[in-house]
Amino acid sequence: MKVKPNRTHERMCRMLRLFAWTSVAIGMLLCLFFGNPFRDTNTWLMIGIGFLVASPVLFLVEAVFRITEDYGSKNDKNSPNS
């Protein structure tokens, strides 16, 4: 049986996904425009790489949030107290 998620859960997932895609876009733009010289002293390039590294983490948090919310809703429906 599929449990319908509540609106707050859906909004949070959409917001996290939006932040992740925005992070990818910002990271790509920064790396594209400030990629030369490719050194660790290039601050804007390092910030761009940081955005690119952070984006999969945001996607992972969104996926884990969705899974745990679905699991929690499923357990609430199957609990003997409800």
PDB file of N, CA and C in Angstrom:
ATOM      1  N   MET A   1       0.839  -1.182   0.000  1.00  0.00           N
ATOM      2  CA  MET A   1       0.000   0.000   0.000  1.00  0.00           C
ATOM      3  C   MET A   1       0.880   1.240   0.000  1.00  0.00           C
ATOM      4  N   LYS A   2       0.647   2.125  -0.926  1.00  0.00           N
ATOM      5  CA  LYS A   2       1.415   3.352  -1.035  1.00  0.00           C
ATOM      6  C   LYS A   2       0.819   4.409  -0.123  1.00  0.00           C
ATOM      7  N   VAL A   3       1.675   4.989   0.722  1.00  0.00           N
ATOM      8  CA  VAL A   3       1.224   6.022   1.652  1.00  0.00           C
ATOM      9  C   VAL A   3       1.439   7.377   1.000  1.00  0.00           C
ATOM     10  N   LYS A   4       0.409   8.204   0.992  1.00  0.00           N
ATOM     11  CA  LYS A   4       0.510   9.529   0.396  1.00  0.00           C
ATOM     12  C   LYS A   4       1.249  10.459   1.347  1.00  0.00           C
ATOM     13  N   PRO A   5       2.369  11.070   0.891  1.00  0.00           N
ATOM     14  CA  PRO A   5       3.114  11.965   1.771  1.00  0.00           C
ATOM     15  C   PRO A   5       2.365  13.270   2.006  1.00  0.00           C
ATOM     16  N   ASN A   6       2.680  13.887   3.123  1.00  0.00           N
ATOM     17  CA  ASN A   6       2.004  15.153   3.420  1.00  0.00           C
ATOM     18  C   ASN A   6       2.652  16.295   2.637  1.00  0.00           C
ATOM     19  N   ARG A   7       2.021  17.438   2.662  1.00  0.00           N
ATOM     20  CA  ARG A   7       2.485  18.568   1.847  1.00  0.00           C
ATOM     21  C   ARG A   7       3.830  19.108   2.305  1.00  0.00           C
ATOM     22  N   THR A   8       4.080  19.131   3.598  1.00  0.00           N
ATOM     23  CA  THR A   8       5.348  19.639   4.114  1.00  0.00           C
ATOM     24  C   THR A   8       6.503  18.776   3.630  1.00  0.00           C
ATOM     25  N   HIS A   9       6.279  17.481   3.627  1.00  0.00           N
ATOM     26  CA  HIS A   9       7.293  16.548   3.164  1.00  0.00           C
ATOM     27  C   HIS A   9       7.614  16.792   1.690  1.00  0.00           C
ATOM     28  N   GLU A  10       6.616  16.953   0.872  1.00  0.00           N
ATOM     29  CA  GLU A  10       6.826  17.193  -0.559  1.00  0.00           C
ATOM     30  C   GLU A  10       7.526  18.523  -0.802  1.00  0.00           C
ATOM     31  N   ARG A  11       7.116  19.558  -0.071  1.00  0.00           N
ATOM     32  CA  ARG A  11       7.763  20.869  -0.238  1.00  0.00           C
ATOM     33  C   ARG A  11       9.221  20.816   0.162  1.00  0.00           C
ATOM     34  N   MET A  12       9.522  20.098   1.248  1.00  0.00           N
ATOM     35  CA  MET A  12      10.909  19.979   1.695  1.00  0.00           C
ATOM     36  C   MET A  12      11.754  19.241   0.656  1.00  0.00           C
ATOM     37  N   CYS A  13      11.217  18.177   0.097  1.00  0.00           N
ATOM     38  CA  CYS A  13      11.949  17.422  -0.924  1.00  0.00           C
ATOM     39  C   CYS A  13      12.192  18.266  -2.171  1.00  0.00           C
ATOM     40  N   ARG A  14      11.172  18.999  -2.600  1.00  0.00           N
ATOM     41  CA  ARG A  14      11.330  19.873  -3.762  1.00  0.00           C
ATOM     42  C   ARG A  14      12.359  20.963  -3.499  1.00  0.00           C
ATOM     43  N   MET A  15      12.335  21.532  -2.288  1.00  0.00           N
ATOM     44  CA  MET A  15      13.279  22.581  -1.938  1.00  0.00           C
ATOM     45  C   MET A  15      14.711  22.047  -1.930  1.00  0.00           C
ATOM     46  N   LEU A  16      14.921  20.870  -1.352  1.00  0.00           N
ATOM     47  CA  LEU A  16      16.261  20.283  -1.334  1.00  0.00           C
ATOM     48  C   LEU A  16      16.747  19.981  -2.743  1.00  0.00           C
ATOM     49  N   ARG A  17      15.859  19.458  -3.586  1.00  0.00           N
ATOM     50  CA  ARG A  17      16.237  19.164  -4.969  1.00  0.00           C
ATOM     51  C   ARG A  17      16.577  20.451  -5.713  1.00  0.00           C
ATOM     52  N   LEU A  18      15.803  21.519  -5.480  1.00  0.00           N
ATOM     53  CA  LEU A  18      16.085  22.808  -6.105  1.00  0.00           C
ATOM     54  C   LEU A  18      17.438  23.345  -5.651  1.00  0.00           C
ATOM     55  N   PHE A  19      17.731  23.269  -4.359  1.00  0.00           N
ATOM     56  CA  PHE A  19      19.028  23.717  -3.854  1.00  0.00           C
ATOM     57  C   PHE A  19      20.163  22.910  -4.462  1.00  0.00           C
ATOM     58  N   ALA A  20      19.955  21.606  -4.636  1.00  0.00           N
ATOM     59  CA  ALA A  20      20.999  20.759  -5.208  1.00  0.00           C
ATOM     60  C   ALA A  20      21.268  21.144  -6.662  1.00  0.00           C
ATOM     61  N   TRP A  21      20.211  21.315  -7.451  1.00  0.00           N
ATOM     62  CA  TRP A  21      20.411  21.695  -8.854  1.00  0.00           C
ATOM     63  C   TRP A  21      20.995  23.098  -8.972  1.00  0.00           C
ATOM     64  N   THR A  22      20.596  23.993  -8.079  1.00  0.00           N
ATOM     65  CA  THR A  22      21.175  25.340  -8.076  1.00  0.00           C
ATOM     66  C   THR A  22      22.651  25.280  -7.735  1.00  0.00           C
ATOM     67  N   SER A  23      23.009  24.422  -6.804  1.00  0.00           N
ATOM     68  CA  SER A  23      24.408  24.238  -6.437  1.00  0.00           C
ATOM     69  C   SER A  23      25.225  23.699  -7.613  1.00  0.00           C
ATOM     70  N   VAL A  24      24.653  22.769  -8.360  1.00  0.00           N
ATOM     71  CA  VAL A  24      25.334  22.248  -9.557  1.00  0.00           C
ATOM     72  C   VAL A  24      25.560  23.373 -10.559  1.00  0.00           C
ATOM     73  N   ALA A  25      24.528  24.167 -10.810  1.00  0.00           N
ATOM     74  CA  ALA A  25      24.637  25.248 -11.792  1.00  0.00           C
ATOM     75  C   ALA A  25      25.666  26.293 -11.372  1.00  0.00           C
ATOM     76  N   ILE A  26      25.635  26.700 -10.120  1.00  0.00           N
ATOM     77  CA  ILE A  26      26.599  27.693  -9.636  1.00  0.00           C
ATOM     78  C   ILE A  26      28.017  27.133  -9.717  1.00  0.00           C
ATOM     79  N   GLY A  27      28.193  25.885  -9.298  1.00  0.00           N
ATOM     80  CA  GLY A  27      29.518  25.270  -9.357  1.00  0.00           C
ATOM     81  C   GLY A  27      30.049  25.164 -10.762  1.00  0.00           C
ATOM     82  N   MET A  28      29.198  24.778 -11.699  1.00  0.00           N
ATOM     83  CA  MET A  28      29.638  24.666 -13.094  1.00  0.00           C
ATOM     84  C   MET A  28      30.008  26.024 -13.671  1.00  0.00           C
ATOM     85  N   LEU A  29      29.199  27.041 -13.381  1.00  0.00           N
ATOM     86  CA  LEU A  29      29.499  28.379 -13.883  1.00  0.00           C
ATOM     87  C   LEU A  29      30.805  28.920 -13.301  1.00  0.00           C
ATOM     88  N   LEU A  30      30.996  28.739 -12.011  1.00  0.00           N
ATOM     89  CA  LEU A  30      32.229  29.230 -11.397  1.00  0.00           C
ATOM     90  C   LEU A  30      33.451  28.502 -11.945  1.00  0.00           C
ATOM     91  N   CYS A  31      33.346  27.183 -12.109  1.00  0.00           N
ATOM     92  CA  CYS A  31      34.474  26.426 -12.654  1.00  0.00           C
ATOM     93  C   CYS A  31      34.730  26.786 -14.110  1.00  0.00           C
ATOM     94  N   LEU A  32      33.676  27.059 -14.842  1.00  0.00           N
ATOM     95  CA  LEU A  32      33.825  27.410 -16.254  1.00  0.00           C
ATOM     96  C   LEU A  32      34.494  28.772 -16.425  1.00  0.00           C
ATOM     97  N   PHE A  33      34.044  29.759 -15.674  1.00  0.00           N
ATOM     98  CA  PHE A  33      34.556  31.115 -15.857  1.00  0.00           C
ATOM     99  C   PHE A  33      35.862  31.383 -15.112  1.00  0.00           C
ATOM    100  N   PHE A  34      36.120  30.652 -14.033  1.00  0.00           N
ATOM    101  CA  PHE A  34      37.330  30.917 -13.253  1.00  0.00           C
ATOM    102  C   PHE A  34      38.253  29.700 -13.219  1.00  0.00           C
ATOM    103  N   GLY A  35      38.224  28.882 -14.266  1.00  0.00           N
ATOM    104  CA  GLY A  35      39.038  27.665 -14.307  1.00  0.00           C
ATOM    105  C   GLY A  35      40.491  27.904 -14.627  1.00  0.00           C
ATOM    106  N   ASN A  36      40.818  29.096 -15.053  1.00  0.00           N
ATOM    107  CA  ASN A  36      42.204  29.387 -15.414  1.00  0.00           C
ATOM    108  C   ASN A  36      42.729  30.491 -14.510  1.00  0.00           C
ATOM    109  N   PRO A  37      43.770  30.339 -13.779  1.00  0.00           N
ATOM    110  CA  PRO A  37      44.686  29.206 -13.666  1.00  0.00           C
ATOM    111  C   PRO A  37      44.117  28.129 -12.728  1.00  0.00           C
ATOM    112  N   PHE A  38      44.426  26.893 -13.046  1.00  0.00           N
ATOM    113  CA  PHE A  38      43.922  25.765 -12.256  1.00  0.00           C
ATOM    114  C   PHE A  38      44.892  25.513 -11.100  1.00  0.00           C
ATOM    115  N   ARG A  39      44.739  26.310 -10.050  1.00  0.00           N
ATOM    116  CA  ARG A  39      45.582  26.189  -8.856  1.00  0.00           C
ATOM    117  C   ARG A  39      44.722  26.307  -7.612  1.00  0.00           C
ATOM    118  N   ASP A  40      45.298  25.864  -6.498  1.00  0.00           N
ATOM    119  CA  ASP A  40      44.553  25.948  -5.244  1.00  0.00           C
ATOM    120  C   ASP A  40      44.496  27.377  -4.713  1.00  0.00           C
ATOM    121  N   THR A  41      45.228  28.288  -5.301  1.00  0.00           N
ATOM    122  CA  THR A  41      45.146  29.687  -4.878  1.00  0.00           C
ATOM    123  C   THR A  41      44.029  30.442  -5.600  1.00  0.00           C
ATOM    124  N   ASN A  42      43.406  29.809  -6.590  1.00  0.00           N
ATOM    125  CA  ASN A  42      42.284  30.406  -7.309  1.00  0.00           C
ATOM    126  C   ASN A  42      41.022  30.211  -6.459  1.00  0.00           C
ATOM    127  N   THR A  43      40.670  31.230  -5.717  1.00  0.00           N
ATOM    128  CA  THR A  43      39.575  31.139  -4.746  1.00  0.00           C
ATOM    129  C   THR A  43      38.242  30.817  -5.404  1.00  0.00           C
ATOM    130  N   TRP A  44      37.914  31.480  -6.500  1.00  0.00           N
ATOM    131  CA  TRP A  44      36.617  31.262  -7.149  1.00  0.00           C
ATOM    132  C   TRP A  44      36.508  29.846  -7.703  1.00  0.00           C
ATOM    133  N   LEU A  45      37.613  29.315  -8.206  1.00  0.00           N
ATOM    134  CA  LEU A  45      37.598  27.935  -8.681  1.00  0.00           C
ATOM    135  C   LEU A  45      37.358  26.971  -7.524  1.00  0.00           C
ATOM    136  N   MET A  46      37.991  27.208  -6.397  1.00  0.00           N
ATOM    137  CA  MET A  46      37.805  26.342  -5.227  1.00  0.00           C
ATOM    138  C   MET A  46      36.364  26.434  -4.699  1.00  0.00           C
ATOM    139  N   ILE A  47      35.777  27.621  -4.758  1.00  0.00           N
ATOM    140  CA  ILE A  47      34.377  27.766  -4.347  1.00  0.00           C
ATOM    141  C   ILE A  47      33.476  26.988  -5.306  1.00  0.00           C
ATOM    142  N   GLY A  48      33.770  27.066  -6.607  1.00  0.00           N
ATOM    143  CA  GLY A  48      33.001  26.310  -7.596  1.00  0.00           C
ATOM    144  C   GLY A  48      33.093  24.811  -7.366  1.00  0.00           C
ATOM    145  N   ILE A  49      34.294  24.321  -7.077  1.00  0.00           N
ATOM    146  CA  ILE A  49      34.468  22.896  -6.782  1.00  0.00           C
ATOM    147  C   ILE A  49      33.713  22.531  -5.506  1.00  0.00           C
ATOM    148  N   GLY A  50      33.704  23.419  -4.547  1.00  0.00           N
ATOM    149  CA  GLY A  50      32.941  23.188  -3.318  1.00  0.00           C
ATOM    150  C   GLY A  50      31.450  23.040  -3.584  1.00  0.00           C
ATOM    151  N   PHE A  51      30.914  23.890  -4.464  1.00  0.00           N
ATOM    152  CA  PHE A  51      29.507  23.764  -4.842  1.00  0.00           C
ATOM    153  C   PHE A  51      29.249  22.431  -5.537  1.00  0.00           C
ATOM    154  N   LEU A  52      30.173  22.015  -6.406  1.00  0.00           N
ATOM    155  CA  LEU A  52      29.999  20.742  -7.112  1.00  0.00           C
ATOM    156  C   LEU A  52      30.087  19.551  -6.157  1.00  0.00           C
ATOM    157  N   VAL A  53      30.901  19.658  -5.135  1.00  0.00           N
ATOM    158  CA  VAL A  53      31.004  18.578  -4.149  1.00  0.00           C
ATOM    159  C   VAL A  53      29.772  18.569  -3.242  1.00  0.00           C
ATOM    160  N   ALA A  54      29.232  19.730  -2.940  1.00  0.00           N
ATOM    161  CA  ALA A  54      28.074  19.812  -2.040  1.00  0.00           C
ATOM    162  C   ALA A  54      26.783  19.337  -2.696  1.00  0.00           C
ATOM    163  N   SER A  55      26.675  19.451  -4.006  1.00  0.00           N
ATOM    164  CA  SER A  55      25.409  19.107  -4.665  1.00  0.00           C
ATOM    165  C   SER A  55      25.038  17.632  -4.521  1.00  0.00           C
ATOM    166  N   PRO A  56      25.945  16.654  -4.681  1.00  0.00           N
ATOM    167  CA  PRO A  56      25.520  15.266  -4.441  1.00  0.00           C
ATOM    168  C   PRO A  56      25.112  15.008  -2.995  1.00  0.00           C
ATOM    169  N   VAL A  57      25.715  15.739  -2.078  1.00  0.00           N
ATOM    170  CA  VAL A  57      25.330  15.592  -0.674  1.00  0.00           C
ATOM    171  C   VAL A  57      23.883  16.056  -0.485  1.00  0.00           C
ATOM    172  N   LEU A  58      23.515  17.138  -1.129  1.00  0.00           N
ATOM    173  CA  LEU A  58      22.134  17.616  -1.042  1.00  0.00           C
ATOM    174  C   LEU A  58      21.168  16.629  -1.690  1.00  0.00           C
ATOM    175  N   PHE A  59      21.562  16.046  -2.825  1.00  0.00           N
ATOM    176  CA  PHE A  59      20.715  15.015  -3.439  1.00  0.00           C
ATOM    177  C   PHE A  59      20.566  13.816  -2.507  1.00  0.00           C
ATOM    178  N   LEU A  60      21.641  13.439  -1.839  1.00  0.00           N
ATOM    179  CA  LEU A  60      21.596  12.309  -0.905  1.00  0.00           C
ATOM    180  C   LEU A  60      20.692  12.620   0.284  1.00  0.00           C
ATOM    181  N   VAL A  61      20.800  13.819   0.819  1.00  0.00           N
ATOM    182  CA  VAL A  61      19.950  14.212   1.952  1.00  0.00           C
ATOM    183  C   VAL A  61      18.483  14.180   1.534  1.00  0.00           C
ATOM    184  N   GLU A  62      18.187  14.653   0.330  1.00  0.00           N
ATOM    185  CA  GLU A  62      16.806  14.636  -0.162  1.00  0.00           C
ATOM    186  C   GLU A  62      16.294  13.209  -0.293  1.00  0.00           C
ATOM    187  N   ALA A  63      17.127  12.316  -0.802  1.00  0.00           N
ATOM    188  CA  ALA A  63      16.709  10.917  -0.969  1.00  0.00           C
ATOM    189  C   ALA A  63      16.507  10.235   0.384  1.00  0.00           C
ATOM    190  N   VAL A  64      17.421  10.468   1.317  1.00  0.00           N
ATOM    191  CA  VAL A  64      17.289   9.865   2.644  1.00  0.00           C
ATOM    192  C   VAL A  64      16.075  10.433   3.371  1.00  0.00           C
ATOM    193  N   PHE A  65      15.835  11.723   3.229  1.00  0.00           N
ATOM    194  CA  PHE A  65      14.667  12.335   3.848  1.00  0.00           C
ATOM    195  C   PHE A  65      13.383  11.707   3.310  1.00  0.00           C
ATOM    196  N   ARG A  66      13.340  11.501   1.997  1.00  0.00           N
ATOM    197  CA  ARG A  66      12.161  10.895   1.375  1.00  0.00           C
ATOM    198  C   ARG A  66      11.963   9.459   1.874  1.00  0.00           C
ATOM    199  N   ILE A  67      13.048   8.696   1.952  1.00  0.00           N
ATOM    200  CA  ILE A  67      12.959   7.295   2.389  1.00  0.00           C
ATOM    201  C   ILE A  67      12.520   7.206   3.847  1.00  0.00           C
ATOM    202  N   THR A  68      13.132   8.002   4.709  1.00  0.00           N
ATOM    203  CA  THR A  68      12.781   7.929   6.129  1.00  0.00           C
ATOM    204  C   THR A  68      11.356   8.415   6.381  1.00  0.00           C
ATOM    205  N   GLU A  69      10.921   9.419   5.634  1.00  0.00           N
ATOM    206  CA  GLU A  69       9.548   9.909   5.793  1.00  0.00           C
ATOM    207  C   GLU A  69       8.551   8.847   5.333  1.00  0.00           C
ATOM    208  N   ASP A  70       8.850   8.189   4.216  1.00  0.00           N
ATOM    209  CA  ASP A  70       7.971   7.115   3.739  1.00  0.00           C
ATOM    210  C   ASP A  70       7.962   5.957   4.728  1.00  0.00           C
ATOM    211  N   TYR A  71       9.106   5.612   5.273  1.00  0.00           N
ATOM    212  CA  TYR A  71       9.196   4.518   6.239  1.00  0.00           C
ATOM    213  C   TYR A  71       8.445   4.871   7.521  1.00  0.00           C
ATOM    214  N   GLY A  72       8.595   6.121   7.993  1.00  0.00           N
ATOM    215  CA  GLY A  72       7.897   6.549   9.198  1.00  0.00           C
ATOM    216  C   GLY A  72       6.394   6.577   9.002  1.00  0.00           C
ATOM    217  N   SER A  73       5.944   7.034   7.847  1.00  0.00           N
ATOM    218  CA  SER A  73       4.506   7.052   7.568  1.00  0.00           C
ATOM    219  C   SER A  73       3.954   5.639   7.481  1.00  0.00           C
ATOM    220  N   LYS A  74       4.721   4.751   6.904  1.00  0.00           N
ATOM    221  CA  LYS A  74       4.294   3.360   6.774  1.00  0.00           C
ATOM    222  C   LYS A  74       4.174   2.707   8.150  1.00  0.00           C
ATOM    223  N   ASN A  75       5.132   2.976   9.036  1.00  0.00           N
ATOM    224  CA  ASN A  75       5.084   2.406  10.386  1.00  0.00           C
ATOM    225  C   ASN A  75       3.948   3.001  11.206  1.00  0.00           C
ATOM    226  N   ASP A  76       3.644   4.269  10.994  1.00  0.00           N
ATOM    227  CA  ASP A  76       2.530   4.887  11.716  1.00  0.00           C
ATOM    228  C   ASP A  76       1.199   4.242  11.339  1.00  0.00           C
ATOM    229  N   LYS A  77       1.053   3.878  10.079  1.00  0.00           N
ATOM    230  CA  LYS A  77      -0.185   3.251   9.616  1.00  0.00           C
ATOM    231  C   LYS A  77      -0.324   1.828  10.144  1.00  0.00           C
ATOM    232  N   ASN A  78       0.809   1.135  10.362  1.00  0.00           N
ATOM    233  CA  ASN A  78       0.782  -0.262  10.801  1.00  0.00           C
ATOM    234  C   ASN A  78       0.863  -0.419  12.324  1.00  0.00           C
ATOM    235  N   SER A  79       0.984   0.683  13.049  1.00  0.00           N
ATOM    236  CA  SER A  79       1.123   0.576  14.496  1.00  0.00           C
ATOM    237  C   SER A  79      -0.214   0.154  15.118  1.00  0.00           C
ATOM    238  N   PRO A  80      -0.151  -0.630  16.188  1.00  0.00           N
ATOM    239  CA  PRO A  80      -1.389  -1.104  16.805  1.00  0.00           C
ATOM    240  C   PRO A  80      -2.161  -0.010  17.519  1.00  0.00           C
ATOM    241  N   ASN A  81      -1.513   1.116  17.821  1.00  0.00           N
ATOM    242  CA  ASN A  81      -2.181   2.198  18.553  1.00  0.00           C
ATOM    243  C   ASN A  81      -3.055   3.065  17.638  1.00  0.00           C
ATOM    244  N   SER A  82      -2.895   2.951  16.323  1.00  0.00           N
ATOM    245  CA  SER A  82      -3.672   3.821  15.440  1.00  0.00           C
ATOM    246  C   SER A  82      -4.968   3.203  15.006  1.00  0.00           C
TER     247      SER A  82
END
